[in-house]
Protein backbone atom coordinates (compact mmCIF):
# COMPACT_ATOMS: atom_id res chain seq x y z
CA MET A 1 -27.98 38.43 36.03
CA PHE A 2 -28.12 39.10 32.33
CA ASN A 3 -28.41 42.73 31.33
CA PRO A 4 -28.32 43.55 27.59
CA ILE A 5 -27.08 47.04 28.43
CA LYS A 6 -23.84 45.49 29.67
CA ARG A 7 -23.10 43.47 26.56
CA THR A 8 -19.50 43.85 25.43
CA VAL A 9 -19.97 42.39 21.97
CA ALA A 10 -21.77 44.75 19.58
CA SER A 11 -23.03 43.89 16.14
CA VAL A 12 -20.59 44.21 13.27
CA PHE A 13 -22.83 46.84 11.77
CA LEU A 14 -22.61 48.99 14.85
CA LEU A 15 -18.88 48.51 15.08
CA LEU A 16 -18.53 49.75 11.54
CA THR A 17 -20.81 52.73 11.83
CA MET A 18 -20.25 54.18 15.26
CA GLY A 19 -17.58 54.48 17.90
CA VAL A 20 -17.90 52.73 21.22
CA VAL A 21 -16.48 54.52 24.25
CA THR A 22 -16.32 52.87 27.66
CA SER A 23 -15.24 54.87 30.68
CA VAL A 24 -15.04 54.25 34.38
CA ALA A 25 -15.14 57.38 36.49
CA ALA A 26 -14.34 57.76 40.14
CA GLN A 27 -17.29 58.69 42.29
CA GLY A 28 -17.17 62.02 44.07
CA GLY A 29 -16.76 65.36 42.34
CA PRO A 30 -16.93 66.23 38.65
CA SER A 31 -15.02 63.88 36.38
CA ALA A 32 -13.49 64.38 32.98
CA ASP A 33 -15.21 61.17 31.93
CA GLU A 34 -18.59 62.80 32.46
CA GLY A 35 -17.89 65.17 29.59
CA ASP A 36 -20.76 67.31 28.46
CA TYR A 37 -23.84 65.21 29.14
CA LEU A 38 -25.84 67.29 26.66
CA ASN A 39 -23.69 65.93 23.85
CA LYS A 40 -24.22 62.32 24.86
CA ARG A 41 -26.99 60.01 23.75
CA TRP A 42 -29.95 59.74 26.09
CA LYS A 43 -29.44 56.02 26.63
CA ASP A 44 -25.91 56.74 27.86
CA VAL A 45 -27.04 59.54 30.14
CA ALA A 46 -29.87 57.37 31.47
CA THR A 47 -27.73 54.48 32.64
CA ARG A 48 -24.01 54.93 31.99
CA MET A 49 -22.95 58.12 33.72
CA PRO A 50 -20.72 57.94 36.83
CA GLU A 51 -22.91 57.08 39.83
CA ALA A 52 -22.25 60.39 41.58
CA TRP A 53 -23.69 62.28 38.61
CA TYR A 54 -27.18 60.93 39.36
CA GLY A 55 -27.23 63.03 42.50
CA SER A 56 -26.27 66.22 40.69
CA ASP A 57 -28.37 69.29 39.86
CA GLU A 58 -28.07 68.33 36.19
CA ALA A 59 -29.58 64.91 36.85
CA LYS A 60 -32.35 66.53 38.85
CA GLN A 61 -33.21 68.77 35.89
CA VAL A 62 -33.23 65.77 33.57
CA ALA A 63 -35.50 63.90 35.96
CA GLU A 64 -38.08 66.68 35.68
CA ASN A 65 -38.20 66.10 31.92
CA VAL A 66 -38.55 62.35 32.39
CA LEU A 67 -41.44 62.82 34.79
CA LEU A 68 -43.18 65.19 32.41
CA ALA A 69 -42.71 62.84 29.44
CA GLN A 70 -44.23 59.79 31.14
CA LYS A 71 -47.47 58.77 29.44
CA GLU A 72 -50.67 58.33 31.42
CA VAL A 73 -50.38 54.56 30.90
CA GLY A 74 -46.99 54.58 32.61
CA GLY A 75 -44.55 54.13 29.72
CA TRP A 76 -42.44 56.48 27.63
CA ALA A 77 -42.03 57.27 23.93
CA LYS A 78 -38.83 56.25 22.14
CA ASN A 79 -35.90 58.17 20.70
CA LYS A 80 -36.45 61.28 22.81
CA PRO A 81 -33.46 63.24 24.20
CA TYR A 82 -34.92 63.69 27.66
CA HIS A 83 -31.62 65.13 28.91
CA HIS A 84 -31.94 68.21 26.67
CA PRO A 85 -33.57 71.40 27.99
CA LEU A 86 -37.24 71.78 27.14
CA SER A 87 -38.83 74.97 25.94
CA GLU A 88 -42.23 75.99 27.28
CA GLY A 89 -43.67 74.80 23.99
CA ASP A 90 -41.97 71.41 24.41
CA LYS A 91 -43.39 71.07 27.90
CA ALA A 92 -46.87 71.97 26.74
CA ALA A 93 -46.66 69.41 23.93
CA LEU A 94 -45.55 66.65 26.29
CA GLN A 95 -48.42 67.50 28.61
CA GLU A 96 -50.91 67.33 25.74
CA GLU A 97 -49.48 64.02 24.47
CA LYS A 98 -49.68 62.20 27.81
CA GLY A 99 -52.89 60.45 26.84
CA GLU A 100 -51.86 59.61 23.27
CA ILE A 101 -50.59 56.26 21.98
CA GLY A 102 -46.81 56.16 21.89
CA ALA A 103 -45.53 54.40 24.99
CA THR A 104 -43.21 51.60 23.89
CA PHE A 105 -40.40 49.18 24.71
CA ASP A 106 -38.74 49.76 21.35
CA ASN A 107 -35.14 51.02 21.25
CA GLY A 108 -34.81 50.69 25.00
CA ALA A 109 -37.70 53.03 25.77
CA THR A 110 -39.48 52.78 29.14
CA ILE A 111 -36.86 50.40 30.56
CA GLN A 112 -34.06 52.97 30.36
CA GLU A 113 -36.28 55.69 31.85
CA MET A 114 -37.14 53.39 34.75
CA ARG A 115 -33.48 52.57 35.34
CA PHE A 116 -32.67 56.28 35.28
CA LEU A 117 -35.38 57.05 37.84
CA ALA A 118 -34.06 54.32 40.13
CA LYS A 119 -30.60 55.86 39.97
CA VAL A 120 -31.69 59.42 40.74
CA TYR A 121 -34.03 58.26 43.49
CA ALA A 122 -31.15 56.48 45.20
CA HIS A 123 -29.39 59.84 45.50
CA LEU A 124 -32.17 62.41 45.78
CA GLN A 125 -35.02 60.47 47.44
CA ASP A 126 -37.70 62.48 45.65
CA PRO A 127 -40.91 60.43 46.12
CA ARG A 128 -42.09 61.43 42.66
CA TYR A 129 -39.27 59.36 41.15
CA LYS A 130 -40.38 56.27 43.02
CA GLU A 131 -44.01 56.85 42.06
CA ALA A 132 -43.08 57.20 38.38
CA PHE A 133 -40.93 54.05 38.57
CA GLU A 134 -43.81 52.10 40.08
CA GLN A 135 -46.16 53.41 37.39
CA GLY A 136 -43.66 52.13 34.84
CA LEU A 137 -43.64 48.75 36.57
CA ASP A 138 -47.44 48.65 36.50
CA TYR A 139 -47.24 49.49 32.79
CA ILE A 140 -45.03 46.43 32.24
CA PHE A 141 -47.49 44.23 34.12
CA ALA A 142 -50.52 45.64 32.27
CA SER A 143 -48.98 45.30 28.81
CA GLN A 144 -47.98 41.65 29.13
CA TYR A 145 -50.06 39.22 27.12
CA ASP A 146 -51.65 36.20 28.78
CA ASN A 147 -49.19 34.06 26.81
CA GLY A 148 -46.30 35.86 28.54
CA GLY A 149 -45.10 38.03 25.67
CA TRP A 150 -45.00 41.80 25.32
CA PRO A 151 -45.93 43.95 22.32
CA GLN A 152 -43.59 46.58 20.95
CA PHE A 153 -46.09 49.36 21.76
CA PHE A 154 -48.81 49.43 24.38
CA PRO A 155 -51.46 50.44 23.62
CA VAL A 156 -50.75 48.99 20.17
CA ARG A 157 -50.43 51.53 17.40
CA THR A 158 -53.31 51.66 14.95
CA GLY A 159 -53.03 51.45 11.17
CA LYS A 160 -52.08 48.61 8.81
CA SER A 161 -48.48 49.76 8.31
CA VAL A 162 -47.69 49.61 12.05
CA ALA A 163 -49.90 46.69 13.08
CA TYR A 164 -46.73 44.70 13.76
CA SER A 165 -46.31 46.76 16.95
CA GLY A 166 -48.76 44.32 18.52
CA HIS A 167 -46.58 41.29 17.84
CA ILE A 168 -44.55 39.66 20.60
CA THR A 169 -41.38 41.66 20.11
CA TYR A 170 -37.83 40.36 20.48
CA ASN A 171 -36.62 42.88 17.90
CA ASP A 172 -33.84 45.12 19.24
CA ASN A 173 -34.04 43.03 22.43
CA ALA A 174 -37.24 44.72 23.61
CA MET A 175 -38.57 41.72 25.52
CA VAL A 176 -35.16 40.69 26.87
CA ARG A 177 -34.72 44.19 28.33
CA ILE A 178 -38.07 43.84 30.11
CA LEU A 179 -37.23 40.40 31.44
CA SER A 180 -33.79 41.48 32.62
CA LEU A 181 -35.33 44.33 34.60
CA LEU A 182 -37.95 42.04 36.14
CA GLN A 183 -35.27 39.48 36.96
CA GLU A 184 -33.28 42.09 38.89
CA ILE A 185 -36.35 43.42 40.70
CA ALA A 186 -37.53 39.95 41.69
CA ALA A 187 -34.08 39.06 43.01
CA GLY A 188 -33.80 42.25 45.07
CA ASP A 189 -30.90 43.66 43.08
CA GLU A 190 -29.08 46.44 44.93
CA ALA A 191 -29.81 48.90 42.11
CA PHE A 192 -33.46 48.90 43.20
CA ALA A 193 -33.00 48.46 46.95
CA PRO A 194 -33.42 52.21 47.71
CA LEU A 195 -36.91 52.07 46.19
CA HIS A 196 -38.05 49.63 48.90
CA LEU A 197 -40.38 47.83 46.53
CA SER A 198 -42.98 45.71 48.28
CA GLY A 199 -42.98 41.95 48.51
CA ASP A 200 -46.07 41.91 46.29
CA GLN A 201 -44.31 43.96 43.61
CA LYS A 202 -41.29 41.64 43.65
CA ALA A 203 -43.55 38.58 43.54
CA HIS A 204 -45.48 40.06 40.62
CA ALA A 205 -42.18 40.74 38.84
CA LYS A 206 -41.13 37.11 39.35
CA LYS A 207 -44.48 35.83 38.06
CA ALA A 208 -44.31 38.08 34.99
CA MET A 209 -40.74 37.00 34.30
CA ASP A 210 -41.64 33.32 34.57
CA LYS A 211 -44.49 33.83 32.12
CA GLY A 212 -42.09 35.62 29.79
CA VAL A 213 -39.68 32.69 29.92
CA GLN A 214 -42.52 30.34 29.01
CA CYS A 215 -43.35 32.57 26.07
CA ILE A 216 -39.75 32.36 24.91
CA LEU A 217 -39.87 28.57 25.10
CA ASN A 218 -43.23 28.41 23.33
CA THR A 219 -42.11 30.67 20.47
CA GLN A 220 -38.79 28.93 19.80
CA ILE A 221 -38.85 27.64 16.24
CA VAL A 222 -38.79 23.84 16.12
CA VAL A 223 -37.37 22.05 13.06
CA ASP A 224 -37.66 18.28 12.77
CA GLY A 225 -38.54 18.08 16.43
CA LYS A 226 -35.50 20.09 17.55
CA PRO A 227 -35.60 23.61 19.06
CA THR A 228 -33.55 26.15 17.09
CA VAL A 229 -33.77 29.94 17.49
CA TRP A 230 -36.42 32.66 17.23
CA CYS A 231 -37.82 35.22 14.83
CA ALA A 232 -37.43 38.91 15.71
CA GLN A 233 -41.17 39.01 16.35
CA HIS A 234 -43.89 36.40 16.72
CA ASP A 235 -47.63 36.60 16.16
CA GLU A 236 -49.32 37.45 19.44
CA ASN A 237 -52.07 34.89 18.81
CA THR A 238 -50.53 31.98 16.92
CA LEU A 239 -46.95 32.48 18.24
CA ALA A 240 -45.66 31.86 14.71
CA PRO A 241 -42.77 33.90 13.23
CA ALA A 242 -44.23 37.17 11.96
CA LYS A 243 -43.39 40.05 9.66
CA ALA A 244 -42.60 43.56 10.90
CA ARG A 245 -41.49 46.23 8.45
CA ALA A 246 -41.43 45.40 4.73
CA TYR A 247 -37.82 44.20 4.86
CA GLU A 248 -38.19 42.40 8.20
CA LEU A 249 -39.74 39.15 7.08
CA PRO A 250 -40.55 36.00 9.07
CA SER A 251 -37.22 34.28 9.58
CA PHE A 252 -34.71 32.70 11.90
CA SER A 253 -33.05 35.61 13.67
CA GLY A 254 -29.27 35.48 13.90
CA SER A 255 -29.21 38.64 16.00
CA GLU A 256 -32.03 38.86 18.54
CA SER A 257 -31.79 35.12 19.21
CA ALA A 258 -28.35 35.64 20.72
CA ASP A 259 -29.58 37.85 23.56
CA ILE A 260 -32.57 35.59 24.14
CA THR A 261 -30.17 32.66 24.57
CA LEU A 262 -27.89 34.64 26.90
CA PHE A 263 -30.90 35.56 29.01
CA LEU A 264 -31.94 31.91 29.30
CA MET A 265 -28.35 31.08 30.29
CA SER A 266 -28.60 33.63 33.11
CA LEU A 267 -31.49 31.81 34.81
CA LYS A 268 -30.72 30.06 38.07
CA ASN A 269 -31.69 26.39 38.30
CA PRO A 270 -32.89 26.19 34.68
CA SER A 271 -35.57 23.66 33.87
CA GLU A 272 -34.90 20.79 31.48
CA ARG A 273 -36.82 22.69 28.82
CA VAL A 274 -34.71 25.81 29.29
CA VAL A 275 -31.55 23.72 29.02
CA ALA A 276 -32.87 22.10 25.84
CA ALA A 277 -33.72 25.53 24.43
CA VAL A 278 -30.19 26.79 25.03
CA GLU A 279 -28.61 23.62 23.64
CA GLY A 280 -30.76 23.86 20.52
CA ALA A 281 -29.93 27.52 19.96
CA VAL A 282 -26.20 26.94 20.46
CA ASP A 283 -26.24 24.09 17.97
CA TRP A 284 -28.07 26.31 15.48
CA PHE A 285 -25.52 29.11 15.89
CA GLU A 286 -22.68 26.63 15.39
CA THR A 287 -24.15 25.23 12.19
CA HIS A 288 -25.18 28.59 10.69
CA LYS A 289 -21.93 30.51 10.92
CA VAL A 290 -20.97 32.54 7.87
CA GLU A 291 -17.23 32.07 7.57
CA GLY A 292 -14.54 33.42 5.29
CA ILE A 293 -15.93 36.94 4.87
CA LYS A 294 -15.72 40.33 6.54
CA LEU A 295 -17.47 43.67 6.08
CA GLU A 296 -15.65 46.75 4.88
CA ARG A 297 -16.47 50.28 3.80
CA GLU A 298 -15.43 51.53 0.38
CA GLN A 299 -15.99 54.80 -1.42
CA ASP A 300 -18.27 54.24 -4.39
CA ALA A 301 -18.30 56.07 -7.72
CA ASP A 302 -20.49 58.81 -6.25
CA GLY A 303 -18.10 59.42 -3.36
CA LYS A 304 -20.39 57.77 -0.82
CA ARG A 305 -19.30 55.27 1.82
CA ASN A 306 -20.60 51.87 0.86
CA LEU A 307 -20.75 48.61 2.83
CA ILE A 308 -19.33 45.60 1.00
CA VAL A 309 -18.57 41.96 1.72
CA VAL A 310 -14.93 40.93 1.29
CA LYS A 311 -13.51 37.40 1.30
CA ASP A 312 -11.10 36.74 4.17
CA LYS A 313 -10.26 33.22 5.32
CA LYS A 314 -8.97 34.54 8.65
CA ALA A 315 -12.07 36.59 9.47
CA ALA A 316 -14.06 35.83 12.61
CA PRO A 317 -17.41 34.17 11.90
CA LEU A 318 -20.49 36.23 11.24
CA TRP A 319 -24.18 35.41 11.22
CA GLY A 320 -26.94 36.80 9.02
CA ARG A 321 -29.56 39.01 10.61
CA PHE A 322 -32.26 36.93 8.87
CA TYR A 323 -32.31 33.32 7.66
CA ASP A 324 -34.99 31.93 5.35
CA LEU A 325 -37.40 29.64 7.21
CA GLU A 326 -37.22 27.00 4.47
CA THR A 327 -33.67 27.11 3.11
CA GLU A 328 -32.07 28.35 6.36
CA GLN A 329 -29.80 30.59 4.28
CA PRO A 330 -29.23 34.30 5.01
CA PHE A 331 -31.28 36.72 2.95
CA PHE A 332 -31.36 40.47 2.33
CA CYS A 333 -34.06 42.72 0.94
CA ASP A 334 -35.04 46.27 0.11
CA ARG A 335 -38.24 47.96 1.17
CA ASP A 336 -40.07 45.96 -1.50
CA GLY A 337 -39.71 42.89 0.71
CA ILE A 338 -38.22 40.72 -2.04
CA LYS A 339 -35.56 38.36 -0.69
CA LYS A 340 -32.10 38.51 -2.23
CA PRO A 341 -29.23 36.08 -1.58
CA ALA A 342 -26.43 38.64 -1.20
CA LEU A 343 -25.90 42.04 0.38
CA ALA A 344 -24.71 43.44 -2.93
CA ASP A 345 -28.08 42.55 -4.49
CA ILE A 346 -30.00 45.20 -2.57
CA GLY A 347 -29.98 48.97 -3.00
CA TYR A 348 -27.67 51.47 -1.36
CA GLU A 349 -30.23 52.77 1.16
CA ARG A 350 -31.05 49.45 2.85
CA ARG A 351 -27.58 48.01 2.30
CA ASN A 352 -26.03 50.81 4.34
CA GLY A 353 -28.96 51.65 6.61
CA TYR A 354 -29.53 48.33 8.35
CA GLY A 355 -27.49 45.68 10.19
CA TRP A 356 -27.63 42.65 7.91
CA TYR A 357 -24.79 40.79 9.60
CA THR A 358 -24.01 40.35 13.28
CA ASN A 359 -21.39 38.79 15.54
CA ASN A 360 -23.70 38.65 18.58
CA PRO A 361 -23.88 34.82 18.61
CA ALA A 362 -20.12 34.73 19.23
CA ASP A 363 -20.90 35.91 22.76
CA VAL A 364 -23.22 32.94 23.24
CA LEU A 365 -20.59 30.48 22.01
CA GLU A 366 -17.96 32.05 24.24
CA HIS A 367 -20.06 31.69 27.40
CA TYR A 368 -21.60 28.33 26.52
CA PRO A 369 -18.81 25.98 27.76
CA ALA A 370 -18.83 27.44 31.28
CA TRP A 371 -22.64 27.43 31.35
CA HIS A 372 -22.77 23.82 30.12
CA LYS A 373 -20.27 22.74 32.77
CA LYS A 374 -22.20 24.51 35.51
CA VAL A 375 -25.56 23.08 34.48
CA ASN A 376 -24.25 19.54 34.23
CA ALA A 377 -22.54 19.83 37.63
CA HIS A 378 -25.92 19.99 39.36
């Protein structure tokens, strides 16, 4: 089953700006690979610690924070280090904010908290963990649109500048993370077996996943009668490609579309329409490679590290984060939302603070031959 957390190919931007450490620790006592969990990122603590750690006193303390931070609607806020100790003031604030808007699927939120709770419940069997997990599952069900999509935030944030949080959100793989979780639950994945979810819950998860797949198919951008890829977000009413932040314009997405395609490739017994969707996306990735360049960091005149594009005939192909809906060429822009044809044409802040190129589609192209062979064998 496809799980975006397990992806081995990161975007070029991430590879350039942060280190990636993968460790496999033996289960049992303390391990050197565990390190100091307080110095890790929450998403790593939530899902990537050695399995034995989730039965530890430390994990139990973290679980108390996760329970306290859960919103009344069942979801969680994003970018919170739930593994860090909370002061009494922090705890009071979380209690007061339980009824406020802020629960989201952005940046892995809600899904990673649910996965964490499943892990600690498997070891500690505290019924509160199961209850919180099930509330999170109900939150997923309640926030799904009738058309099968999910918003970035639920309830949707208010205010013109954040109205995009109501769009069907593929950005940062929000919807794929939801669907991957539902896929595992519906299939009775061993990670969730200790929770003893009911047949009705698994059936509901399957129904919600199927609706989500239909939403993916219905939002795929069609050009000259042929399915291509997706925008990072689509209008929740018209299903058309939609704008998010000022520099995230309606477009073909070279990044999020890769994980959408991989998810579709993970489906058992795919329908003819799913097969056509994958074939169309693969063809689009093949024809929209950006070849002969690589990204490097240089020190500019002010002594700052600056991202630049360098010609290199031997470089692996890249794809733009955004492609113009009319010209199908990559574009870049600052916070003014004005499209520019080259990375060097935008200012330092957005040039170095956003992932404008990606190699994610390479993962799709790598797995496609085996998938194609398997599908055509049936």
